[in-house]
């Protein structure tokens, strides 16, 4: 492979390959390969598993009090295509991908391809140097997305996020209105909505008032554009503040 590309890739990865052909395979997209077996698709498959394993191990030790369901939600958000693509683009890894002429430049690559580059390079490091350098690379760049996933509503802190946003952005506190309740005492469901300065947001039904308030807070965050649902993991995440900073209090995201 081109020596300049190799040096650039190794500088970004902070890893020097003993076998440069592995790196070349990791960067070869199917659109330019002689056949699909010569592309990076098999390495993408392998890298996805290595990435997931390392992240799961990290979560297991980092959050010893979290249940399996909570850990699964964080993991799904942390290794989603959106998250992996963001890491790849921030590092400039997508610019290294070798593609056919019809694919366009790095700026034109779909999110799925940007995410795939990260996974193939994880596989490349593992295949060339083993688990330890692969783990070091993953945690060096994925620890922040993991922590962000853990703090972005995956542990029912939507009420806290909403309260901070309502006070800072609108100058009013969020209040929770119990609209209705149904069912016998041992199996009641509660309908709750959020109200901010007279404006009511979409309500929700949940089997406890606490859960209903958390979900109602999320509904308000979603309508205000402060949170969104990841298309792949279907988990909520908070958007960067600059994306909604100029929005008027009565506006919502379309």
C-alpha atoms as a PDB file:
ATOM      1  CA  UNK A   1       0.000   0.000   0.000  1.00  0.00           C
ATOM      2  CA  UNK A   2       0.996   3.635  -0.352  1.00  0.00           C
ATOM      3  CA  UNK A   3       3.624   4.403   2.280  1.00  0.00           C
ATOM      4  CA  UNK A   4       2.127   7.802   3.040  1.00  0.00           C
ATOM      5  CA  UNK A   5      -1.303   6.282   3.701  1.00  0.00           C
ATOM      6  CA  UNK A   6       0.267   3.652   5.928  1.00  0.00           C
ATOM      7  CA  UNK A   7       2.142   6.251   7.963  1.00  0.00           C
ATOM      8  CA  UNK A   8      -0.951   8.410   8.270  1.00  0.00           C
ATOM      9  CA  UNK A   9      -3.065   5.463   9.417  1.00  0.00           C
ATOM     10  CA  UNK A  10      -0.490   4.292  11.926  1.00  0.00           C
ATOM     11  CA  UNK A  11      -0.129   7.797  13.323  1.00  0.00           C
ATOM     12  CA  UNK A  12      -3.893   8.072  13.841  1.00  0.00           C
ATOM     13  CA  UNK A  13      -4.149   4.588  15.316  1.00  0.00           C
ATOM     14  CA  UNK A  14      -0.980   4.999  17.392  1.00  0.00           C
ATOM     15  CA  UNK A  15      -0.044   1.503  16.303  1.00  0.00           C
ATOM     16  CA  UNK A  16       2.626   0.263  13.885  1.00  0.00           C
ATOM     17  CA  UNK A  17       1.725  -2.805  11.826  1.00  0.00           C
ATOM     18  CA  UNK A  18       4.147  -5.673  11.530  1.00  0.00           C
ATOM     19  CA  UNK A  19       2.198  -6.857   8.479  1.00  0.00           C
ATOM     20  CA  UNK A  20       1.101  -3.832   6.377  1.00  0.00           C
ATOM     21  CA  UNK A  21      -1.046  -6.072   4.177  1.00  0.00           C
ATOM     22  CA  UNK A  22      -3.506  -6.440   7.072  1.00  0.00           C
ATOM     23  CA  UNK A  23      -3.901  -2.676   7.230  1.00  0.00           C
ATOM     24  CA  UNK A  24      -4.367  -2.524   3.472  1.00  0.00           C
ATOM     25  CA  UNK A  25      -7.096  -5.165   3.633  1.00  0.00           C
ATOM     26  CA  UNK A  26      -8.850  -3.242   6.388  1.00  0.00           C
ATOM     27  CA  UNK A  27      -8.966  -0.125   4.230  1.00  0.00           C
ATOM     28  CA  UNK A  28     -10.074  -1.808   0.982  1.00  0.00           C
ATOM     29  CA  UNK A  29     -13.759  -1.287   0.261  1.00  0.00           C
ATOM     30  CA  UNK A  30     -15.686  -3.782  -1.864  1.00  0.00           C
ATOM     31  CA  UNK A  31     -16.152  -1.134  -4.578  1.00  0.00           C
ATOM     32  CA  UNK A  32     -12.456  -1.292  -5.425  1.00  0.00           C
ATOM     33  CA  UNK A  33     -11.607  -4.913  -4.529  1.00  0.00           C
ATOM     34  CA  UNK A  34     -11.214  -7.606  -7.185  1.00  0.00           C
ATOM     35  CA  UNK A  35     -13.819  -9.670  -5.331  1.00  0.00           C
ATOM     36  CA  UNK A  36     -15.737  -9.321  -2.082  1.00  0.00           C
ATOM     37  CA  UNK A  37     -13.424 -11.762  -0.315  1.00  0.00           C
ATOM     38  CA  UNK A  38     -10.593  -9.329  -1.059  1.00  0.00           C
ATOM     39  CA  UNK A  39     -12.483  -6.457   0.574  1.00  0.00           C
ATOM     40  CA  UNK A  40     -12.675  -5.484   4.245  1.00  0.00           C
ATOM     41  CA  UNK A  41     -16.128  -7.006   4.811  1.00  0.00           C
ATOM     42  CA  UNK A  42     -14.885 -10.078   6.706  1.00  0.00           C
ATOM     43  CA  UNK A  43     -12.743  -7.848   8.901  1.00  0.00           C
ATOM     44  CA  UNK A  44     -15.741  -5.633   9.593  1.00  0.00           C
ATOM     45  CA  UNK A  45     -17.596  -8.719  10.861  1.00  0.00           C
ATOM     46  CA  UNK A  46     -14.690  -9.680  13.100  1.00  0.00           C
ATOM     47  CA  UNK A  47     -13.990  -6.152  14.331  1.00  0.00           C
ATOM     48  CA  UNK A  48     -17.609  -5.673  15.349  1.00  0.00           C
ATOM     49  CA  UNK A  49     -17.311  -8.652  17.700  1.00  0.00           C
ATOM     50  CA  UNK A  50     -13.981  -7.515  19.153  1.00  0.00           C
ATOM     51  CA  UNK A  51     -15.350  -4.034  19.725  1.00  0.00           C
ATOM     52  CA  UNK A  52     -18.458  -5.410  21.416  1.00  0.00           C
ATOM     53  CA  UNK A  53     -16.470  -7.752  23.641  1.00  0.00           C
ATOM     54  CA  UNK A  54     -14.075  -5.052  24.827  1.00  0.00           C
ATOM     55  CA  UNK A  55     -16.894  -2.610  25.515  1.00  0.00           C
ATOM     56  CA  UNK A  56     -18.876  -5.270  27.394  1.00  0.00           C
ATOM     57  CA  UNK A  57     -15.848  -6.126  29.524  1.00  0.00           C
ATOM     58  CA  UNK A  58     -15.301  -2.441  30.276  1.00  0.00           C
ATOM     59  CA  UNK A  59     -18.953  -1.954  31.252  1.00  0.00           C
ATOM     60  CA  UNK A  60     -18.936  -5.062  33.434  1.00  0.00           C
ATOM     61  CA  UNK A  61     -16.106  -3.685  35.575  1.00  0.00           C
ATOM     62  CA  UNK A  62     -16.984   0.005  35.287  1.00  0.00           C
ATOM     63  CA  UNK A  63     -20.577  -0.374  36.499  1.00  0.00           C
ATOM     64  CA  UNK A  64     -20.644  -3.285  38.993  1.00  0.00           C
ATOM     65  CA  UNK A  65     -24.083  -2.310  40.324  1.00  0.00           C
ATOM     66  CA  UNK A  66     -25.881  -2.193  36.963  1.00  0.00           C
ATOM     67  CA  UNK A  67     -28.113  -5.022  35.836  1.00  0.00           C
ATOM     68  CA  UNK A  68     -27.774  -6.811  32.498  1.00  0.00           C
ATOM     69  CA  UNK A  69     -30.538  -4.768  30.899  1.00  0.00           C
ATOM     70  CA  UNK A  70     -28.914  -1.481  31.848  1.00  0.00           C
ATOM     71  CA  UNK A  71     -25.518  -2.610  30.575  1.00  0.00           C
ATOM     72  CA  UNK A  72     -27.092  -3.768  27.312  1.00  0.00           C
ATOM     73  CA  UNK A  73     -28.662  -0.363  26.722  1.00  0.00           C
ATOM     74  CA  UNK A  74     -25.368   1.463  27.283  1.00  0.00           C
ATOM     75  CA  UNK A  75     -23.472  -0.970  25.074  1.00  0.00           C
ATOM     76  CA  UNK A  76     -26.026  -0.664  22.264  1.00  0.00           C
ATOM     77  CA  UNK A  77     -25.772   3.122  22.276  1.00  0.00           C
ATOM     78  CA  UNK A  78     -21.989   3.216  22.655  1.00  0.00           C
ATOM     79  CA  UNK A  79     -21.282   0.903  19.703  1.00  0.00           C
ATOM     80  CA  UNK A  80     -24.167   2.059  17.489  1.00  0.00           C
ATOM     81  CA  UNK A  81     -23.397   3.124  13.940  1.00  0.00           C
ATOM     82  CA  UNK A  82     -23.902   6.737  14.927  1.00  0.00           C
ATOM     83  CA  UNK A  83     -21.383   6.492  17.754  1.00  0.00           C
ATOM     84  CA  UNK A  84     -18.786   4.509  15.776  1.00  0.00           C
ATOM     85  CA  UNK A  85     -19.160   6.818  12.779  1.00  0.00           C
ATOM     86  CA  UNK A  86     -18.609   9.847  15.000  1.00  0.00           C
ATOM     87  CA  UNK A  87     -15.393   8.352  16.365  1.00  0.00           C
ATOM     88  CA  UNK A  88     -14.158   7.368  12.904  1.00  0.00           C
ATOM     89  CA  UNK A  89     -14.881  10.800  11.470  1.00  0.00           C
ATOM     90  CA  UNK A  90     -13.313  12.611  14.420  1.00  0.00           C
ATOM     91  CA  UNK A  91     -10.114  10.602  13.929  1.00  0.00           C
ATOM     92  CA  UNK A  92     -10.173  10.991  10.149  1.00  0.00           C
ATOM     93  CA  UNK A  93     -10.305   7.239   9.578  1.00  0.00           C
ATOM     94  CA  UNK A  94     -12.972   7.475   6.875  1.00  0.00           C
ATOM     95  CA  UNK A  95     -10.579   9.572   4.789  1.00  0.00           C
ATOM     96  CA  UNK A  96      -8.233   6.579   4.636  1.00  0.00           C
ATOM     97  CA  UNK A  97     -10.796   4.192   3.135  1.00  0.00           C
ATOM     98  CA  UNK A  98      -9.864   3.026  -0.378  1.00  0.00           C
ATOM     99  CA  UNK A  99     -13.031   3.165  -2.474  1.00  0.00           C
ATOM    100  CA  UNK A 100     -14.096   3.076  -6.107  1.00  0.00           C
ATOM    101  CA  UNK A 101     -14.535   6.285  -8.072  1.00  0.00           C
ATOM    102  CA  UNK A 102     -18.321   6.208  -7.781  1.00  0.00           C
ATOM    103  CA  UNK A 103     -18.221   6.343  -3.978  1.00  0.00           C
ATOM    104  CA  UNK A 104     -17.231  10.002  -3.739  1.00  0.00           C
ATOM    105  CA  UNK A 105     -14.962  11.513  -1.091  1.00  0.00           C
ATOM    106  CA  UNK A 106     -14.887  10.997   2.697  1.00  0.00           C
ATOM    107  CA  UNK A 107     -17.493  13.706   3.222  1.00  0.00           C
ATOM    108  CA  UNK A 108     -19.916  11.766   1.016  1.00  0.00           C
ATOM    109  CA  UNK A 109     -19.566   8.451   2.820  1.00  0.00           C
ATOM    110  CA  UNK A 110     -22.730   7.211   4.548  1.00  0.00           C
ATOM    111  CA  UNK A 111     -22.602   6.787   8.303  1.00  0.00           C
ATOM    112  CA  UNK A 112     -22.590   3.002   7.952  1.00  0.00           C
ATOM    113  CA  UNK A 113     -19.312   3.063   6.006  1.00  0.00           C
ATOM    114  CA  UNK A 114     -17.659   5.448   8.442  1.00  0.00           C
ATOM    115  CA  UNK A 115     -18.633   3.112  11.280  1.00  0.00           C
ATOM    116  CA  UNK A 116     -17.385   0.101   9.312  1.00  0.00           C
ATOM    117  CA  UNK A 117     -13.926   1.652   8.953  1.00  0.00           C
ATOM    118  CA  UNK A 118     -13.582   1.785  12.725  1.00  0.00           C
ATOM    119  CA  UNK A 119     -14.613  -1.857  13.045  1.00  0.00           C
ATOM    120  CA  UNK A 120     -12.251  -3.078  10.320  1.00  0.00           C
ATOM    121  CA  UNK A 121      -9.314  -1.242  11.857  1.00  0.00           C
ATOM    122  CA  UNK A 122     -10.101  -2.740  15.254  1.00  0.00           C
ATOM    123  CA  UNK A 123      -9.933  -6.147  13.558  1.00  0.00           C
ATOM    124  CA  UNK A 124      -6.696  -5.213  11.814  1.00  0.00           C
ATOM    125  CA  UNK A 125      -4.985  -4.250  15.057  1.00  0.00           C
ATOM    126  CA  UNK A 126      -6.208  -7.442  16.723  1.00  0.00           C
ATOM    127  CA  UNK A 127      -5.072  -9.674  13.851  1.00  0.00           C
ATOM    128  CA  UNK A 128      -1.678  -7.999  13.690  1.00  0.00           C
ATOM    129  CA  UNK A 129      -0.902  -7.518  17.368  1.00  0.00           C
ATOM    130  CA  UNK A 130      -3.466  -9.358  19.468  1.00  0.00           C
ATOM    131  CA  UNK A 131      -6.122  -8.311  21.952  1.00  0.00           C
ATOM    132  CA  UNK A 132      -4.131  -5.912  24.135  1.00  0.00           C
ATOM    133  CA  UNK A 133      -3.316  -3.271  21.486  1.00  0.00           C
ATOM    134  CA  UNK A 134      -6.854  -3.612  20.122  1.00  0.00           C
ATOM    135  CA  UNK A 135      -8.290  -3.091  23.607  1.00  0.00           C
ATOM    136  CA  UNK A 136      -6.024  -0.091  24.172  1.00  0.00           C
ATOM    137  CA  UNK A 137      -7.158   1.526  20.919  1.00  0.00           C
ATOM    138  CA  UNK A 138     -10.844   0.878  21.608  1.00  0.00           C
ATOM    139  CA  UNK A 139     -10.830   2.224  25.150  1.00  0.00           C
ATOM    140  CA  UNK A 140      -8.709   5.215  24.186  1.00  0.00           C
ATOM    141  CA  UNK A 141     -11.419   6.370  21.791  1.00  0.00           C
ATOM    142  CA  UNK A 142     -14.611   4.700  23.029  1.00  0.00           C
ATOM    143  CA  UNK A 143     -14.449   5.486  26.752  1.00  0.00           C
ATOM    144  CA  UNK A 144     -15.938   8.931  26.180  1.00  0.00           C
ATOM    145  CA  UNK A 145     -18.885   7.678  24.060  1.00  0.00           C
ATOM    146  CA  UNK A 146     -19.488   4.985  26.670  1.00  0.00           C
ATOM    147  CA  UNK A 147     -19.616   7.514  29.488  1.00  0.00           C
ATOM    148  CA  UNK A 148     -21.850   9.756  27.385  1.00  0.00           C
ATOM    149  CA  UNK A 149     -24.225   6.862  26.749  1.00  0.00           C
ATOM    150  CA  UNK A 150     -24.295   6.063  30.442  1.00  0.00           C
ATOM    151  CA  UNK A 151     -25.186   9.635  31.375  1.00  0.00           C
ATOM    152  CA  UNK A 152     -27.590  10.447  28.529  1.00  0.00           C
ATOM    153  CA  UNK A 153     -30.765   9.041  29.977  1.00  0.00           C
ATOM    154  CA  UNK A 154     -29.958   5.359  30.011  1.00  0.00           C
ATOM    155  CA  UNK A 155     -30.468   5.235  33.756  1.00  0.00           C
ATOM    156  CA  UNK A 156     -33.674   7.187  33.939  1.00  0.00           C
ATOM    157  CA  UNK A 157     -32.166  10.609  34.607  1.00  0.00           C
ATOM    158  CA  UNK A 158     -34.463  12.284  32.071  1.00  0.00           C
ATOM    159  CA  UNK A 159     -36.121  14.312  34.820  1.00  0.00           C
ATOM    160  CA  UNK A 160     -32.772  15.734  35.911  1.00  0.00           C
ATOM    161  CA  UNK A 161     -31.768  16.581  32.338  1.00  0.00           C
ATOM    162  CA  UNK A 162     -35.136  18.216  31.670  1.00  0.00           C
ATOM    163  CA  UNK A 163     -35.080  20.252  34.878  1.00  0.00           C
ATOM    164  CA  UNK A 164     -31.636  21.641  34.084  1.00  0.00           C
ATOM    165  CA  UNK A 165     -32.635  22.457  30.505  1.00  0.00           C
ATOM    166  CA  UNK A 166     -35.967  24.024  31.493  1.00  0.00           C
ATOM    167  CA  UNK A 167     -34.359  26.294  34.054  1.00  0.00           C
ATOM    168  CA  UNK A 168     -31.411  27.280  31.876  1.00  0.00           C
ATOM    169  CA  UNK A 169     -33.275  27.689  28.605  1.00  0.00           C
ATOM    170  CA  UNK A 170     -36.780  28.763  29.595  1.00  0.00           C
ATOM    171  CA  UNK A 171     -36.451  30.108  33.122  1.00  0.00           C
ATOM    172  CA  UNK A 172     -39.162  27.787  34.463  1.00  0.00           C
ATOM    173  CA  UNK A 173     -39.237  24.441  36.245  1.00  0.00           C
ATOM    174  CA  UNK A 174     -40.838  21.364  34.761  1.00  0.00           C
ATOM    175  CA  UNK A 175     -43.861  20.039  36.625  1.00  0.00           C
ATOM    176  CA  UNK A 176     -45.498  16.635  36.268  1.00  0.00           C
ATOM    177  CA  UNK A 177     -49.249  16.350  35.881  1.00  0.00           C
ATOM    178  CA  UNK A 178     -51.079  13.112  36.681  1.00  0.00           C
ATOM    179  CA  UNK A 179     -53.775  12.970  33.997  1.00  0.00           C
ATOM    180  CA  UNK A 180     -55.334   9.577  34.652  1.00  0.00           C
ATOM    181  CA  UNK A 181     -54.867   6.198  36.308  1.00  0.00           C
ATOM    182  CA  UNK A 182     -56.455   2.862  35.522  1.00  0.00           C
ATOM    183  CA  UNK A 183     -56.478  -0.701  36.769  1.00  0.00           C
ATOM    184  CA  UNK A 184     -56.716  -2.468  40.126  1.00  0.00           C
ATOM    185  CA  UNK A 185     -54.502  -1.401  43.010  1.00  0.00           C
ATOM    186  CA  UNK A 186     -52.005  -4.211  42.389  1.00  0.00           C
ATOM    187  CA  UNK A 187     -51.662  -3.423  38.658  1.00  0.00           C
ATOM    188  CA  UNK A 188     -52.325   0.261  38.146  1.00  0.00           C
ATOM    189  CA  UNK A 189     -51.128   2.288  35.161  1.00  0.00           C
ATOM    190  CA  UNK A 190     -50.574   6.029  35.296  1.00  0.00           C
ATOM    191  CA  UNK A 191     -50.803   8.688  32.594  1.00  0.00           C
ATOM    192  CA  UNK A 192     -48.449  11.607  33.186  1.00  0.00           C
ATOM    193  CA  UNK A 193     -47.360  14.625  31.167  1.00  0.00           C
ATOM    194  CA  UNK A 194     -44.819  17.396  31.642  1.00  0.00           C
ATOM    195  CA  UNK A 195     -45.854  21.030  31.853  1.00  0.00           C
ATOM    196  CA  UNK A 196     -43.438  23.967  31.484  1.00  0.00           C
ATOM    197  CA  UNK A 197     -44.779  27.506  31.833  1.00  0.00           C
ATOM    198  CA  UNK A 198     -48.264  26.399  30.820  1.00  0.00           C
ATOM    199  CA  UNK A 199     -47.139  24.320  27.857  1.00  0.00           C
ATOM    200  CA  UNK A 200     -47.956  20.616  28.023  1.00  0.00           C
ATOM    201  CA  UNK A 201     -45.898  17.959  26.288  1.00  0.00           C
ATOM    202  CA  UNK A 202     -47.014  14.488  25.101  1.00  0.00           C
ATOM    203  CA  UNK A 203     -48.180  12.216  27.900  1.00  0.00           C
ATOM    204  CA  UNK A 204     -47.397   8.559  28.464  1.00  0.00           C
ATOM    205  CA  UNK A 205     -48.724   5.536  30.317  1.00  0.00           C
ATOM    206  CA  UNK A 206     -46.495   3.483  32.624  1.00  0.00           C
ATOM    207  CA  UNK A 207     -47.022   0.955  35.444  1.00  0.00           C
ATOM    208  CA  UNK A 208     -45.657   3.365  38.083  1.00  0.00           C
ATOM    209  CA  UNK A 209     -45.728   7.114  38.609  1.00  0.00           C
ATOM    210  CA  UNK A 210     -41.928   7.207  38.708  1.00  0.00           C
ATOM    211  CA  UNK A 211     -41.593   5.491  35.348  1.00  0.00           C
ATOM    212  CA  UNK A 212     -44.340   7.635  33.856  1.00  0.00           C
ATOM    213  CA  UNK A 213     -42.610  10.834  34.974  1.00  0.00           C
ATOM    214  CA  UNK A 214     -39.294   9.683  33.508  1.00  0.00           C
ATOM    215  CA  UNK A 215     -40.921   8.780  30.187  1.00  0.00           C
ATOM    216  CA  UNK A 216     -42.893  12.036  30.159  1.00  0.00           C
ATOM    217  CA  UNK A 217     -39.633  13.921  30.710  1.00  0.00           C
ATOM    218  CA  UNK A 218     -38.119  12.078  27.745  1.00  0.00           C
ATOM    219  CA  UNK A 219     -41.146  12.947  25.612  1.00  0.00           C
ATOM    220  CA  UNK A 220     -40.608  16.619  26.448  1.00  0.00           C
ATOM    221  CA  UNK A 221     -36.880  16.400  25.657  1.00  0.00           C
ATOM    222  CA  UNK A 222     -37.663  14.729  22.330  1.00  0.00           C
ATOM    223  CA  UNK A 223     -40.245  17.329  21.344  1.00  0.00           C
ATOM    224  CA  UNK A 224     -37.875  20.184  22.242  1.00  0.00           C
ATOM    225  CA  UNK A 225     -35.081  18.587  20.226  1.00  0.00           C
ATOM    226  CA  UNK A 226     -32.837  18.143  23.250  1.00  0.00           C
ATOM    227  CA  UNK A 227     -32.969  14.369  22.809  1.00  0.00           C
ATOM    228  CA  UNK A 228     -33.384  12.075  19.827  1.00  0.00           C
ATOM    229  CA  UNK A 229     -33.844   8.367  19.263  1.00  0.00           C
ATOM    230  CA  UNK A 230     -30.984   6.527  17.594  1.00  0.00           C
ATOM    231  CA  UNK A 231     -32.294   4.789  14.471  1.00  0.00           C
ATOM    232  CA  UNK A 232     -30.206   1.678  14.996  1.00  0.00           C
ATOM    233  CA  UNK A 233     -30.226   1.068  18.748  1.00  0.00           C
ATOM    234  CA  UNK A 234     -33.621   2.761  19.287  1.00  0.00           C
ATOM    235  CA  UNK A 235     -32.098   4.290  22.419  1.00  0.00           C
ATOM    236  CA  UNK A 236     -32.419   7.992  23.345  1.00  0.00           C
ATOM    237  CA  UNK A 237     -29.411  10.273  23.270  1.00  0.00           C
ATOM    238  CA  UNK A 238     -28.852  13.955  24.002  1.00  0.00           C
ATOM    239  CA  UNK A 239     -27.918  16.194  21.084  1.00  0.00           C
ATOM    240  CA  UNK A 240     -25.156  18.765  21.197  1.00  0.00           C
ATOM    241  CA  UNK A 241     -26.428  22.010  22.712  1.00  0.00           C
ATOM    242  CA  UNK A 242     -25.475  24.075  19.668  1.00  0.00           C
ATOM    243  CA  UNK A 243     -27.971  22.082  17.582  1.00  0.00           C
ATOM    244  CA  UNK A 244     -30.914  23.527  19.491  1.00  0.00           C
ATOM    245  CA  UNK A 245     -29.423  26.640  21.132  1.00  0.00           C
ATOM    246  CA  UNK A 246     -31.107  29.052  18.726  1.00  0.00           C
ATOM    247  CA  UNK A 247     -34.545  27.451  18.882  1.00  0.00           C
ATOM    248  CA  UNK A 248     -37.337  29.522  20.414  1.00  0.00           C
ATOM    249  CA  UNK A 249     -39.159  28.112  23.458  1.00  0.00           C
ATOM    250  CA  UNK A 250     -42.298  27.298  21.478  1.00  0.00           C
ATOM    251  CA  UNK A 251     -40.539  25.545  18.602  1.00  0.00           C
ATOM    252  CA  UNK A 252     -40.041  21.845  18.193  1.00  0.00           C
ATOM    253  CA  UNK A 253     -37.908  19.707  15.918  1.00  0.00           C
ATOM    254  CA  UNK A 254     -39.530  18.398  12.746  1.00  0.00           C
END
